[in-house]
Amino acid sequence: MYIAYVVTAVVLSLVLVLSAVPDITRDPKITQGMKALGVPDSWFLSLGLIKIAGALGLLVGIAYRPLGIAAAIGVVLYFLGAVSTHVRGGDTKGISLPATIMVVAVAPLALGFATV
């Protein structure tokens, strides 16, 4: 199970970093959709940095499992918020990506508990 935790933590970390870059660089394709959902401009950098913090927490969690579990919980909650923002905004088209990442984030969470 340890190998499964490592693989899921690394893959999710890569996804989080790739997801954070457009937030931090304010890619118009991403920011327009977020603005339409009511996300203020001033939040983009913070949201991207939170994703990077989650990625780092998952990676450090390979060596120190409690941090990895905490990071996985944070990632699940972050994307639960993203999903609820899409639902609240009536954006059924854009809900699939944050929902998928949220579901994928459950894997290192469950594996983290299983390998403590």
PDB file of N, CA and C in Angstrom:
ATOM      1  N   MET A   1       0.810  -1.198   0.000  1.00  0.00           N
ATOM      2  CA  MET A   1       0.000   0.000   0.000  1.00  0.00           C
ATOM      3  C   MET A   1       0.850   1.258   0.000  1.00  0.00           C
ATOM      4  N   TYR A   2       2.056   1.141   0.536  1.00  0.00           N
ATOM      5  CA  TYR A   2       2.941   2.303   0.573  1.00  0.00           C
ATOM      6  C   TYR A   2       3.239   2.793  -0.847  1.00  0.00           C
ATOM      7  N   ILE A   3       3.516   1.875  -1.755  1.00  0.00           N
ATOM      8  CA  ILE A   3       3.817   2.252  -3.140  1.00  0.00           C
ATOM      9  C   ILE A   3       2.605   2.926  -3.776  1.00  0.00           C
ATOM     10  N   ALA A   4       1.419   2.413  -3.500  1.00  0.00           N
ATOM     11  CA  ALA A   4       0.203   3.025  -4.032  1.00  0.00           C
ATOM     12  C   ALA A   4       0.044   4.444  -3.493  1.00  0.00           C
ATOM     13  N   TYR A   5       0.356   4.647  -2.206  1.00  0.00           N
ATOM     14  CA  TYR A   5       0.279   5.994  -1.636  1.00  0.00           C
ATOM     15  C   TYR A   5       1.260   6.923  -2.350  1.00  0.00           C
ATOM     16  N   VAL A   6       2.488   6.470  -2.520  1.00  0.00           N
ATOM     17  CA  VAL A   6       3.512   7.290  -3.171  1.00  0.00           C
ATOM     18  C   VAL A   6       3.074   7.659  -4.588  1.00  0.00           C
ATOM     19  N   VAL A   7       2.589   6.693  -5.339  1.00  0.00           N
ATOM     20  CA  VAL A   7       2.179   6.953  -6.725  1.00  0.00           C
ATOM     21  C   VAL A   7       1.025   7.953  -6.763  1.00  0.00           C
ATOM     22  N   THR A   8       0.012   7.746  -5.939  1.00  0.00           N
ATOM     23  CA  THR A   8      -1.127   8.663  -5.972  1.00  0.00           C
ATOM     24  C   THR A   8      -0.749  10.055  -5.469  1.00  0.00           C
ATOM     25  N   ALA A   9       0.118  10.116  -4.474  1.00  0.00           N
ATOM     26  CA  ALA A   9       0.555  11.422  -3.958  1.00  0.00           C
ATOM     27  C   ALA A   9       1.349  12.189  -5.014  1.00  0.00           C
ATOM     28  N   VAL A  10       2.227  11.499  -5.723  1.00  0.00           N
ATOM     29  CA  VAL A  10       3.040  12.153  -6.756  1.00  0.00           C
ATOM     30  C   VAL A  10       2.159  12.589  -7.929  1.00  0.00           C
ATOM     31  N   VAL A  11       1.283  11.716  -8.373  1.00  0.00           N
ATOM     32  CA  VAL A  11       0.407  12.064  -9.505  1.00  0.00           C
ATOM     33  C   VAL A  11      -0.503  13.234  -9.146  1.00  0.00           C
ATOM     34  N   LEU A  12      -1.106  13.197  -7.974  1.00  0.00           N
ATOM     35  CA  LEU A  12      -1.975  14.294  -7.551  1.00  0.00           C
ATOM     36  C   LEU A  12      -1.179  15.583  -7.389  1.00  0.00           C
ATOM     37  N   SER A  13       0.046  15.494  -6.903  1.00  0.00           N
ATOM     38  CA  SER A  13       0.886  16.686  -6.771  1.00  0.00           C
ATOM     39  C   SER A  13       1.167  17.321  -8.126  1.00  0.00           C
ATOM     40  N   LEU A  14       1.442  16.491  -9.116  1.00  0.00           N
ATOM     41  CA  LEU A  14       1.657  17.018 -10.470  1.00  0.00           C
ATOM     42  C   LEU A  14       0.400  17.687 -11.011  1.00  0.00           C
ATOM     43  N   VAL A  15      -0.736  17.064 -10.788  1.00  0.00           N
ATOM     44  CA  VAL A  15      -2.011  17.643 -11.233  1.00  0.00           C
ATOM     45  C   VAL A  15      -2.247  18.991 -10.544  1.00  0.00           C
ATOM     46  N   LEU A  16      -1.958  19.055  -9.254  1.00  0.00           N
ATOM     47  CA  LEU A  16      -2.163  20.300  -8.511  1.00  0.00           C
ATOM     48  C   LEU A  16      -1.261  21.417  -9.023  1.00  0.00           C
ATOM     49  N   VAL A  17      -0.013  21.105  -9.288  1.00  0.00           N
ATOM     50  CA  VAL A  17       0.904  22.129  -9.799  1.00  0.00           C
ATOM     51  C   VAL A  17       0.455  22.588 -11.187  1.00  0.00           C
ATOM     52  N   LEU A  18       0.081  21.642 -12.038  1.00  0.00           N
ATOM     53  CA  LEU A  18      -0.407  22.015 -13.371  1.00  0.00           C
ATOM     54  C   LEU A  18      -1.693  22.834 -13.284  1.00  0.00           C
ATOM     55  N   SER A  19      -2.503  22.582 -12.280  1.00  0.00           N
ATOM     56  CA  SER A  19      -3.736  23.330 -12.082  1.00  0.00           C
ATOM     57  C   SER A  19      -3.463  24.710 -11.483  1.00  0.00           C
ATOM     58  N   ALA A  20      -2.374  24.841 -10.738  1.00  0.00           N
ATOM     59  CA  ALA A  20      -2.049  26.110 -10.076  1.00  0.00           C
ATOM     60  C   ALA A  20      -1.443  27.132 -11.032  1.00  0.00           C
ATOM     61  N   VAL A  21      -0.712  26.671 -12.020  1.00  0.00           N
ATOM     62  CA  VAL A  21      -0.010  27.586 -12.927  1.00  0.00           C
ATOM     63  C   VAL A  21      -0.953  28.586 -13.603  1.00  0.00           C
ATOM     64  N   PRO A  22      -2.087  28.148 -14.175  1.00  0.00           N
ATOM     65  CA  PRO A  22      -2.982  29.145 -14.793  1.00  0.00           C
ATOM     66  C   PRO A  22      -3.559  30.144 -13.789  1.00  0.00           C
ATOM     67  N   ASP A  23      -3.770  29.705 -12.550  1.00  0.00           N
ATOM     68  CA  ASP A  23      -4.260  30.634 -11.526  1.00  0.00           C
ATOM     69  C   ASP A  23      -3.217  31.701 -11.235  1.00  0.00           C
ATOM     70  N   ILE A  24      -1.982  31.271 -11.050  1.00  0.00           N
ATOM     71  CA  ILE A  24      -0.905  32.192 -10.678  1.00  0.00           C
ATOM     72  C   ILE A  24      -0.554  33.123 -11.829  1.00  0.00           C
ATOM     73  N   THR A  25      -0.539  32.592 -13.056  1.00  0.00           N
ATOM     74  CA  THR A  25      -0.190  33.418 -14.217  1.00  0.00           C
ATOM     75  C   THR A  25      -1.400  34.155 -14.777  1.00  0.00           C
ATOM     76  N   ARG A  26      -2.553  33.922 -14.201  1.00  0.00           N
ATOM     77  CA  ARG A  26      -3.811  34.559 -14.618  1.00  0.00           C
ATOM     78  C   ARG A  26      -4.116  34.318 -16.095  1.00  0.00           C
ATOM     79  N   ASP A  27      -4.070  33.057 -16.462  1.00  0.00           N
ATOM     80  CA  ASP A  27      -4.412  32.651 -17.827  1.00  0.00           C
ATOM     81  C   ASP A  27      -5.858  33.066 -18.113  1.00  0.00           C
ATOM     82  N   PRO A  28      -6.075  33.875 -19.165  1.00  0.00           N
ATOM     83  CA  PRO A  28      -7.433  34.374 -19.449  1.00  0.00           C
ATOM     84  C   PRO A  28      -8.473  33.271 -19.637  1.00  0.00           C
ATOM     85  N   LYS A  29      -8.064  32.127 -20.178  1.00  0.00           N
ATOM     86  CA  LYS A  29      -9.020  31.040 -20.382  1.00  0.00           C
ATOM     87  C   LYS A  29      -9.591  30.553 -19.050  1.00  0.00           C
ATOM     88  N   ILE A  30      -8.766  30.569 -18.027  1.00  0.00           N
ATOM     89  CA  ILE A  30      -9.193  30.105 -16.706  1.00  0.00           C
ATOM     90  C   ILE A  30      -9.837  31.235 -15.915  1.00  0.00           C
ATOM     91  N   THR A  31      -9.213  32.399 -15.932  1.00  0.00           N
ATOM     92  CA  THR A  31      -9.701  33.492 -15.089  1.00  0.00           C
ATOM     93  C   THR A  31     -11.068  34.001 -15.519  1.00  0.00           C
ATOM     94  N   GLN A  32     -11.363  33.964 -16.797  1.00  0.00           N
ATOM     95  CA  GLN A  32     -12.683  34.415 -17.247  1.00  0.00           C
ATOM     96  C   GLN A  32     -13.781  33.534 -16.662  1.00  0.00           C
ATOM     97  N   GLY A  33     -13.553  32.239 -16.680  1.00  0.00           N
ATOM     98  CA  GLY A  33     -14.535  31.320 -16.112  1.00  0.00           C
ATOM     99  C   GLY A  33     -14.682  31.495 -14.613  1.00  0.00           C
ATOM    100  N   MET A  34     -13.557  31.722 -13.944  1.00  0.00           N
ATOM    101  CA  MET A  34     -13.610  31.911 -12.499  1.00  0.00           C
ATOM    102  C   MET A  34     -14.302  33.227 -12.140  1.00  0.00           C
ATOM    103  N   LYS A  35     -14.034  34.263 -12.917  1.00  0.00           N
ATOM    104  CA  LYS A  35     -14.700  35.551 -12.678  1.00  0.00           C
ATOM    105  C   LYS A  35     -16.204  35.416 -12.883  1.00  0.00           C
ATOM    106  N   ALA A  36     -16.603  34.643 -13.892  1.00  0.00           N
ATOM    107  CA  ALA A  36     -18.031  34.443 -14.156  1.00  0.00           C
ATOM    108  C   ALA A  36     -18.726  33.740 -12.992  1.00  0.00           C
ATOM    109  N   LEU A  37     -17.953  32.964 -12.233  1.00  0.00           N
ATOM    110  CA  LEU A  37     -18.508  32.270 -11.073  1.00  0.00           C
ATOM    111  C   LEU A  37     -18.464  33.134  -9.808  1.00  0.00           C
ATOM    112  N   GLY A  38     -17.898  34.335  -9.941  1.00  0.00           N
ATOM    113  CA  GLY A  38     -17.863  35.253  -8.799  1.00  0.00           C
ATOM    114  C   GLY A  38     -16.580  35.242  -7.999  1.00  0.00           C
ATOM    115  N   VAL A  39     -15.535  34.607  -8.532  1.00  0.00           N
ATOM    116  CA  VAL A  39     -14.253  34.587  -7.825  1.00  0.00           C
ATOM    117  C   VAL A  39     -13.540  35.919  -8.082  1.00  0.00           C
ATOM    118  N   PRO A  40     -13.192  36.658  -7.030  1.00  0.00           N
ATOM    119  CA  PRO A  40     -12.524  37.943  -7.216  1.00  0.00           C
ATOM    120  C   PRO A  40     -11.099  37.785  -7.765  1.00  0.00           C
ATOM    121  N   ASP A  41     -10.658  38.780  -8.518  1.00  0.00           N
ATOM    122  CA  ASP A  41      -9.291  38.786  -9.064  1.00  0.00           C
ATOM    123  C   ASP A  41      -8.242  38.582  -7.981  1.00  0.00           C
ATOM    124  N   SER A  42      -8.465  39.182  -6.846  1.00  0.00           N
ATOM    125  CA  SER A  42      -7.472  39.153  -5.770  1.00  0.00           C
ATOM    126  C   SER A  42      -7.263  37.751  -5.204  1.00  0.00           C
ATOM    127  N   TRP A  43      -8.114  36.801  -5.518  1.00  0.00           N
ATOM    128  CA  TRP A  43      -7.991  35.442  -4.989  1.00  0.00           C
ATOM    129  C   TRP A  43      -7.134  34.531  -5.843  1.00  0.00           C
ATOM    130  N   PHE A  44      -6.886  34.882  -7.101  1.00  0.00           N
ATOM    131  CA  PHE A  44      -6.223  33.953  -8.024  1.00  0.00           C
ATOM    132  C   PHE A  44      -4.862  33.487  -7.513  1.00  0.00           C
ATOM    133  N   LEU A  45      -4.028  34.403  -7.085  1.00  0.00           N
ATOM    134  CA  LEU A  45      -2.697  34.018  -6.601  1.00  0.00           C
ATOM    135  C   LEU A  45      -2.826  33.112  -5.384  1.00  0.00           C
ATOM    136  N   SER A  46      -3.682  33.486  -4.449  1.00  0.00           N
ATOM    137  CA  SER A  46      -3.857  32.679  -3.229  1.00  0.00           C
ATOM    138  C   SER A  46      -4.358  31.274  -3.555  1.00  0.00           C
ATOM    139  N   LEU A  47      -5.308  31.177  -4.447  1.00  0.00           N
ATOM    140  CA  LEU A  47      -5.841  29.858  -4.815  1.00  0.00           C
ATOM    141  C   LEU A  47      -4.763  28.987  -5.454  1.00  0.00           C
ATOM    142  N   GLY A  48      -3.932  29.585  -6.311  1.00  0.00           N
ATOM    143  CA  GLY A  48      -2.834  28.839  -6.917  1.00  0.00           C
ATOM    144  C   GLY A  48      -1.804  28.398  -5.885  1.00  0.00           C
ATOM    145  N   LEU A  49      -1.495  29.283  -4.949  1.00  0.00           N
ATOM    146  CA  LEU A  49      -0.518  28.938  -3.916  1.00  0.00           C
ATOM    147  C   LEU A  49      -1.043  27.863  -2.971  1.00  0.00           C
ATOM    148  N   ILE A  50      -2.344  27.864  -2.723  1.00  0.00           N
ATOM    149  CA  ILE A  50      -2.934  26.811  -1.891  1.00  0.00           C
ATOM    150  C   ILE A  50      -2.773  25.455  -2.576  1.00  0.00           C
ATOM    151  N   LYS A  51      -2.964  25.416  -3.888  1.00  0.00           N
ATOM    152  CA  LYS A  51      -2.778  24.161  -4.625  1.00  0.00           C
ATOM    153  C   LYS A  51      -1.331  23.693  -4.535  1.00  0.00           C
ATOM    154  N   ILE A  52      -0.394  24.623  -4.661  1.00  0.00           N
ATOM    155  CA  ILE A  52       1.025  24.255  -4.562  1.00  0.00           C
ATOM    156  C   ILE A  52       1.353  23.775  -3.156  1.00  0.00           C
ATOM    157  N   ALA A  53       0.786  24.418  -2.143  1.00  0.00           N
ATOM    158  CA  ALA A  53       0.994  23.973  -0.760  1.00  0.00           C
ATOM    159  C   ALA A  53       0.458  22.555  -0.575  1.00  0.00           C
ATOM    160  N   GLY A  54      -0.700  22.268  -1.168  1.00  0.00           N
ATOM    161  CA  GLY A  54      -1.240  20.914  -1.097  1.00  0.00           C
ATOM    162  C   GLY A  54      -0.322  19.902  -1.759  1.00  0.00           C
ATOM    163  N   ALA A  55       0.231  20.284  -2.908  1.00  0.00           N
ATOM    164  CA  ALA A  55       1.161  19.390  -3.611  1.00  0.00           C
ATOM    165  C   ALA A  55       2.403  19.122  -2.763  1.00  0.00           C
ATOM    166  N   LEU A  56       2.952  20.169  -2.182  1.00  0.00           N
ATOM    167  CA  LEU A  56       4.140  20.000  -1.334  1.00  0.00           C
ATOM    168  C   LEU A  56       3.826  19.157  -0.107  1.00  0.00           C
ATOM    169  N   GLY A  57       2.649  19.382   0.490  1.00  0.00           N
ATOM    170  CA  GLY A  57       2.248  18.590   1.653  1.00  0.00           C
ATOM    171  C   GLY A  57       2.114  17.117   1.323  1.00  0.00           C
ATOM    172  N   LEU A  58       1.556  16.821   0.154  1.00  0.00           N
ATOM    173  CA  LEU A  58       1.440  15.424  -0.260  1.00  0.00           C
ATOM    174  C   LEU A  58       2.812  14.791  -0.452  1.00  0.00           C
ATOM    175  N   LEU A  59       3.725  15.544  -1.039  1.00  0.00           N
ATOM    176  CA  LEU A  59       5.069  14.994  -1.267  1.00  0.00           C
ATOM    177  C   LEU A  59       5.832  14.800   0.034  1.00  0.00           C
ATOM    178  N   VAL A  60       5.749  15.768   0.928  1.00  0.00           N
ATOM    179  CA  VAL A  60       6.398  15.616   2.237  1.00  0.00           C
ATOM    180  C   VAL A  60       5.733  14.476   3.012  1.00  0.00           C
ATOM    181  N   GLY A  61       4.436  14.280   2.761  1.00  0.00           N
ATOM    182  CA  GLY A  61       3.698  13.207   3.415  1.00  0.00           C
ATOM    183  C   GLY A  61       4.200  11.823   3.070  1.00  0.00           C
ATOM    184  N   ILE A  62       4.985  11.705   2.031  1.00  0.00           N
ATOM    185  CA  ILE A  62       5.592  10.408   1.719  1.00  0.00           C
ATOM    186  C   ILE A  62       6.525  10.001   2.851  1.00  0.00           C
ATOM    187  N   ALA A  63       7.229  10.978   3.416  1.00  0.00           N
ATOM    188  CA  ALA A  63       8.147  10.701   4.519  1.00  0.00           C
ATOM    189  C   ALA A  63       7.476  10.855   5.881  1.00  0.00           C
ATOM    190  N   TYR A  64       6.548  11.806   5.992  1.00  0.00           N
ATOM    191  CA  TYR A  64       5.864  12.081   7.259  1.00  0.00           C
ATOM    192  C   TYR A  64       4.357  12.027   7.014  1.00  0.00           C
ATOM    193  N   ARG A  65       3.801  10.840   7.188  1.00  0.00           N
ATOM    194  CA  ARG A  65       2.431  10.555   6.781  1.00  0.00           C
ATOM    195  C   ARG A  65       1.373  11.498   7.351  1.00  0.00           C
ATOM    196  N   PRO A  66       1.461  11.945   8.617  1.00  0.00           N
ATOM    197  CA  PRO A  66       0.416  12.856   9.107  1.00  0.00           C
ATOM    198  C   PRO A  66       0.279  14.128   8.268  1.00  0.00           C
ATOM    199  N   LEU A  67       1.380  14.647   7.768  1.00  0.00           N
ATOM    200  CA  LEU A  67       1.312  15.832   6.914  1.00  0.00           C
ATOM    201  C   LEU A  67       0.655  15.491   5.578  1.00  0.00           C
ATOM    202  N   GLY A  68       0.952  14.332   5.052  1.00  0.00           N
ATOM    203  CA  GLY A  68       0.324  13.904   3.802  1.00  0.00           C
ATOM    204  C   GLY A  68      -1.182  13.737   3.946  1.00  0.00           C
ATOM    205  N   ILE A  69      -1.597  13.192   5.078  1.00  0.00           N
ATOM    206  CA  ILE A  69      -3.031  13.030   5.340  1.00  0.00           C
ATOM    207  C   ILE A  69      -3.689  14.400   5.461  1.00  0.00           C
ATOM    208  N   ALA A  70      -3.052  15.303   6.208  1.00  0.00           N
ATOM    209  CA  ALA A  70      -3.601  16.653   6.360  1.00  0.00           C
ATOM    210  C   ALA A  70      -3.687  17.363   5.010  1.00  0.00           C
ATOM    211  N   ALA A  71      -2.661  17.208   4.183  1.00  0.00           N
ATOM    212  CA  ALA A  71      -2.662  17.830   2.855  1.00  0.00           C
ATOM    213  C   ALA A  71      -3.776  17.248   1.985  1.00  0.00           C
ATOM    214  N   ALA A  72      -3.956  15.942   2.044  1.00  0.00           N
ATOM    215  CA  ALA A  72      -5.010  15.299   1.250  1.00  0.00           C
ATOM    216  C   ALA A  72      -6.393  15.780   1.704  1.00  0.00           C
ATOM    217  N   ILE A  73      -6.579  15.928   3.007  1.00  0.00           N
ATOM    218  CA  ILE A  73      -7.847  16.462   3.512  1.00  0.00           C
ATOM    219  C   ILE A  73      -8.053  17.879   2.975  1.00  0.00           C
ATOM    220  N   GLY A  74      -6.988  18.682   3.014  1.00  0.00           N
ATOM    221  CA  GLY A  74      -7.075  20.043   2.501  1.00  0.00           C
ATOM    222  C   GLY A  74      -7.412  20.088   1.017  1.00  0.00           C
ATOM    223  N   VAL A  75      -6.818  19.210   0.249  1.00  0.00           N
ATOM    224  CA  VAL A  75      -7.087  19.169  -1.198  1.00  0.00           C
ATOM    225  C   VAL A  75      -8.531  18.755  -1.467  1.00  0.00           C
ATOM    226  N   VAL A  76      -9.009  17.757  -0.736  1.00  0.00           N
ATOM    227  CA  VAL A  76     -10.404  17.335  -0.908  1.00  0.00           C
ATOM    228  C   VAL A  76     -11.341  18.497  -0.569  1.00  0.00           C
ATOM    229  N   LEU A  77     -11.076  19.193   0.531  1.00  0.00           N
ATOM    230  CA  LEU A  77     -11.928  20.319   0.929  1.00  0.00           C
ATOM    231  C   LEU A  77     -11.838  21.468  -0.072  1.00  0.00           C
ATOM    232  N   TYR A  78     -10.633  21.737  -0.579  1.00  0.00           N
ATOM    233  CA  TYR A  78     -10.451  22.798  -1.573  1.00  0.00           C
ATOM    234  C   TYR A  78     -11.322  22.524  -2.799  1.00  0.00           C
ATOM    235  N   PHE A  79     -11.239  21.301  -3.304  1.00  0.00           N
ATOM    236  CA  PHE A  79     -11.991  20.989  -4.516  1.00  0.00           C
ATOM    237  C   PHE A  79     -13.475  20.767  -4.234  1.00  0.00           C
ATOM    238  N   LEU A  80     -13.841  20.430  -3.013  1.00  0.00           N
ATOM    239  CA  LEU A  80     -15.246  20.427  -2.633  1.00  0.00           C
ATOM    240  C   LEU A  80     -15.798  21.847  -2.736  1.00  0.00           C
ATOM    241  N   GLY A  81     -14.995  22.812  -2.294  1.00  0.00           N
ATOM    242  CA  GLY A  81     -15.381  24.213  -2.448  1.00  0.00           C
ATOM    243  C   GLY A  81     -15.481  24.620  -3.906  1.00  0.00           C
ATOM    244  N   ALA A  82     -14.561  24.135  -4.725  1.00  0.00           N
ATOM    245  CA  ALA A  82     -14.606  24.449  -6.157  1.00  0.00           C
ATOM    246  C   ALA A  82     -15.858  23.863  -6.804  1.00  0.00           C
ATOM    247  N   VAL A  83     -16.169  22.628  -6.447  1.00  0.00           N
ATOM    248  CA  VAL A  83     -17.373  21.993  -6.994  1.00  0.00           C
ATOM    249  C   VAL A  83     -18.615  22.766  -6.561  1.00  0.00           C
ATOM    250  N   SER A  84     -18.671  23.143  -5.283  1.00  0.00           N
ATOM    251  CA  SER A  84     -19.855  23.873  -4.807  1.00  0.00           C
ATOM    252  C   SER A  84     -19.958  25.241  -5.468  1.00  0.00           C
ATOM    253  N   THR A  85     -18.835  25.868  -5.784  1.00  0.00           N
ATOM    254  CA  THR A  85     -18.853  27.151  -6.495  1.00  0.00           C
ATOM    255  C   THR A  85     -19.436  26.970  -7.895  1.00  0.00           C
ATOM    256  N   HIS A  86     -19.055  25.898  -8.565  1.00  0.00           N
ATOM    257  CA  HIS A  86     -19.610  25.621  -9.896  1.00  0.00           C
ATOM    258  C   HIS A  86     -21.105  25.324  -9.814  1.00  0.00           C
ATOM    259  N   VAL A  87     -21.504  24.571  -8.810  1.00  0.00           N
ATOM    260  CA  VAL A  87     -22.926  24.253  -8.643  1.00  0.00           C
ATOM    261  C   VAL A  87     -23.711  25.533  -8.367  1.00  0.00           C
ATOM    262  N   ARG A  88     -23.188  26.340  -7.451  1.00  0.00           N
ATOM    263  CA  ARG A  88     -23.865  27.593  -7.094  1.00  0.00           C
ATOM    264  C   ARG A  88     -23.975  28.515  -8.307  1.00  0.00           C
ATOM    265  N   GLY A  89     -22.942  28.511  -9.150  1.00  0.00           N
ATOM    266  CA  GLY A  89     -22.941  29.359 -10.333  1.00  0.00           C
ATOM    267  C   GLY A  89     -23.686  28.768 -11.516  1.00  0.00           C
ATOM    268  N   GLY A  90     -24.218  27.568 -11.367  1.00  0.00           N
ATOM    269  CA  GLY A  90     -24.952  26.934 -12.451  1.00  0.00           C
ATOM    270  C   GLY A  90     -24.070  26.476 -13.597  1.00  0.00           C
ATOM    271  N   ASP A  91     -22.788  26.262 -13.328  1.00  0.00           N
ATOM    272  CA  ASP A  91     -21.833  25.869 -14.364  1.00  0.00           C
ATOM    273  C   ASP A  91     -21.671  24.356 -14.376  1.00  0.00           C
ATOM    274  N   THR A  92     -22.595  23.664 -15.020  1.00  0.00           N
ATOM    275  CA  THR A  92     -22.505  22.211 -15.079  1.00  0.00           C
ATOM    276  C   THR A  92     -21.402  21.749 -16.033  1.00  0.00           C
ATOM    277  N   LYS A  93     -21.041  22.583 -16.992  1.00  0.00           N
ATOM    278  CA  LYS A  93     -19.990  22.228 -17.951  1.00  0.00           C
ATOM    279  C   LYS A  93     -18.617  22.194 -17.279  1.00  0.00           C
ATOM    280  N   GLY A  94     -18.358  23.133 -16.392  1.00  0.00           N
ATOM    281  CA  GLY A  94     -17.037  23.238 -15.775  1.00  0.00           C
ATOM    282  C   GLY A  94     -16.853  22.460 -14.497  1.00  0.00           C
ATOM    283  N   ILE A  95     -17.850  21.721 -14.083  1.00  0.00           N
ATOM    284  CA  ILE A  95     -17.789  21.030 -12.798  1.00  0.00           C
ATOM    285  C   ILE A  95     -16.964  19.743 -12.851  1.00  0.00           C
ATOM    286  N   SER A  96     -16.799  19.165 -14.033  1.00  0.00           N
ATOM    287  CA  SER A  96     -16.178  17.839 -14.126  1.00  0.00           C
ATOM    288  C   SER A  96     -14.718  17.820 -13.678  1.00  0.00           C
ATOM    289  N   LEU A  97     -13.933  18.827 -14.024  1.00  0.00           N
ATOM    290  CA  LEU A  97     -12.512  18.808 -13.646  1.00  0.00           C
ATOM    291  C   LEU A  97     -12.319  18.910 -12.141  1.00  0.00           C
ATOM    292  N   PRO A  98     -12.898  19.901 -11.455  1.00  0.00           N
ATOM    293  CA  PRO A  98     -12.698  19.926 -10.004  1.00  0.00           C
ATOM    294  C   PRO A  98     -13.300  18.706  -9.304  1.00  0.00           C
ATOM    295  N   ALA A  99     -14.404  18.177  -9.825  1.00  0.00           N
ATOM    296  CA  ALA A  99     -15.000  16.980  -9.216  1.00  0.00           C
ATOM    297  C   ALA A  99     -14.071  15.779  -9.369  1.00  0.00           C
ATOM    298  N   THR A 100     -13.454  15.652 -10.533  1.00  0.00           N
ATOM    299  CA  THR A 100     -12.527  14.543 -10.768  1.00  0.00           C
ATOM    300  C   THR A 100     -11.313  14.652  -9.859  1.00  0.00           C
ATOM    301  N   ILE A 101     -10.743  15.850  -9.752  1.00  0.00           N
ATOM    302  CA  ILE A 101      -9.574  16.027  -8.883  1.00  0.00           C
ATOM    303  C   ILE A 101      -9.951  15.734  -7.434  1.00  0.00           C
ATOM    304  N   MET A 102     -11.131  16.154  -7.017  1.00  0.00           N
ATOM    305  CA  MET A 102     -11.580  15.886  -5.647  1.00  0.00           C
ATOM    306  C   MET A 102     -11.670  14.381  -5.398  1.00  0.00           C
ATOM    307  N   VAL A 103     -12.243  13.650  -6.342  1.00  0.00           N
ATOM    308  CA  VAL A 103     -12.367  12.202  -6.183  1.00  0.00           C
ATOM    309  C   VAL A 103     -10.984  11.546  -6.172  1.00  0.00           C
ATOM    310  N   VAL A 104     -10.087  12.003  -7.041  1.00  0.00           N
ATOM    311  CA  VAL A 104      -8.733  11.451  -7.076  1.00  0.00           C
ATOM    312  C   VAL A 104      -8.001  11.739  -5.768  1.00  0.00           C
ATOM    313  N   ALA A 105      -8.275  12.880  -5.152  1.00  0.00           N
ATOM    314  CA  ALA A 105      -7.608  13.248  -3.894  1.00  0.00           C
ATOM    315  C   ALA A 105      -8.014  12.343  -2.740  1.00  0.00           C
ATOM    316  N   VAL A 106      -9.124  11.644  -2.878  1.00  0.00           N
ATOM    317  CA  VAL A 106      -9.541  10.713  -1.831  1.00  0.00           C
ATOM    318  C   VAL A 106      -8.582   9.517  -1.767  1.00  0.00           C
ATOM    319  N   ALA A 107      -7.962   9.162  -2.881  1.00  0.00           N
ATOM    320  CA  ALA A 107      -7.063   7.997  -2.905  1.00  0.00           C
ATOM    321  C   ALA A 107      -5.863   8.167  -1.967  1.00  0.00           C
ATOM    322  N   PRO A 108      -5.072   9.257  -2.076  1.00  0.00           N
ATOM    323  CA  PRO A 108      -3.968   9.375  -1.121  1.00  0.00           C
ATOM    324  C   PRO A 108      -4.448   9.583   0.311  1.00  0.00           C
ATOM    325  N   LEU A 109      -5.646  10.120   0.473  1.00  0.00           N
ATOM    326  CA  LEU A 109      -6.200  10.258   1.823  1.00  0.00           C
ATOM    327  C   LEU A 109      -6.455   8.873   2.422  1.00  0.00           C
ATOM    328  N   ALA A 110      -7.155   8.038   1.697  1.00  0.00           N
ATOM    329  CA  ALA A 110      -7.461   6.685   2.194  1.00  0.00           C
ATOM    330  C   ALA A 110      -6.190   5.848   2.353  1.00  0.00           C
ATOM    331  N   LEU A 111      -5.299   5.943   1.375  1.00  0.00           N
ATOM    332  CA  LEU A 111      -4.050   5.181   1.454  1.00  0.00           C
ATOM    333  C   LEU A 111      -3.151   5.697   2.560  1.00  0.00           C
ATOM    334  N   GLY A 112      -3.214   7.011   2.808  1.00  0.00           N
ATOM    335  CA  GLY A 112      -2.430   7.588   3.903  1.00  0.00           C
ATOM    336  C   GLY A 112      -2.861   7.018   5.240  1.00  0.00           C
ATOM    337  N   PHE A 113      -4.176   6.914   5.461  1.00  0.00           N
ATOM    338  CA  PHE A 113      -4.671   6.304   6.694  1.00  0.00           C
ATOM    339  C   PHE A 113      -4.323   4.819   6.769  1.00  0.00           C
ATOM    340  N   ALA A 114      -4.352   4.156   5.624  1.00  0.00           N
ATOM    341  CA  ALA A 114      -4.096   2.711   5.602  1.00  0.00           C
ATOM    342  C   ALA A 114      -2.636   2.360   5.859  1.00  0.00           C
ATOM    343  N   THR A 115      -1.757   3.323   5.617  1.00  0.00           N
ATOM    344  CA  THR A 115      -0.317   3.015   5.744  1.00  0.00           C
ATOM    345  C   THR A 115       0.347   3.729   6.918  1.00  0.00           C
ATOM    346  N   VAL A 116      -0.440   4.295   7.816  1.00  0.00           N
ATOM    347  CA  VAL A 116       0.154   4.983   8.988  1.00  0.00           C
ATOM    348  C   VAL A 116       0.771   3.967   9.891  1.00  0.00           C
TER     349      VAL A 116
END
